[in-house]
Amino acid sequence: MKTVLYTYSDGGARGNPGPAAIGAVLCDEKGKILFETARCIGKATNNVAEYNAMILALESAQARQATHLICHADSELLIFQLQGIYRIKDLRLKALAEKVKSLASRFKSVKWRQIPRESAMIARADKLLNQALNQAKATIRPLPDSGPAQGELF
């Protein structure tokens, strides 16, 4: 049975590098959202986050028994590197690209498409990753400075 899924992934960092998160949305051929997710990945560059977002999308599609994928991202660098149009010079990105290609080889077909960041599903993936970053920032609060504890010596 041919199961085609459309993936939309986005990665972002606040600072470059900085706190980073990834988001992915999976849709069927009619555009119905089947799955969406986001998570923080620690300190990373935007490009590293974009690659990790694509990995998340591929892993999510594999878990849903997809056989054919059309993978969308707004990152020209990511898509053109995966298509072989741009060379990959950075060693970290090379390793991530190899992981993407390894995951992609598990499907009968994968097509890479670069689309504008204003596209509805890319905007949705971006919103998910920003929510993850905001939630992570809210849960990491510095302890109030109440001075030395009673009996504590400097």
Foldseek 3Di string as FASTA:
>chain_A
DAFEKEKEKAKDDDDAFHWIKIKMWIAGPVRHTDDIAMATDGTHGRLLRRLVNLLVRLVVCVVVVHQEYEYEYQDPVVLCCLVVNDPDDDPSVVVSSVSSVVSQVNHNYYHYYHDHCPPPRNVVRVVRHVVNVVVVVVVDDDDDCPDDDVPDDD
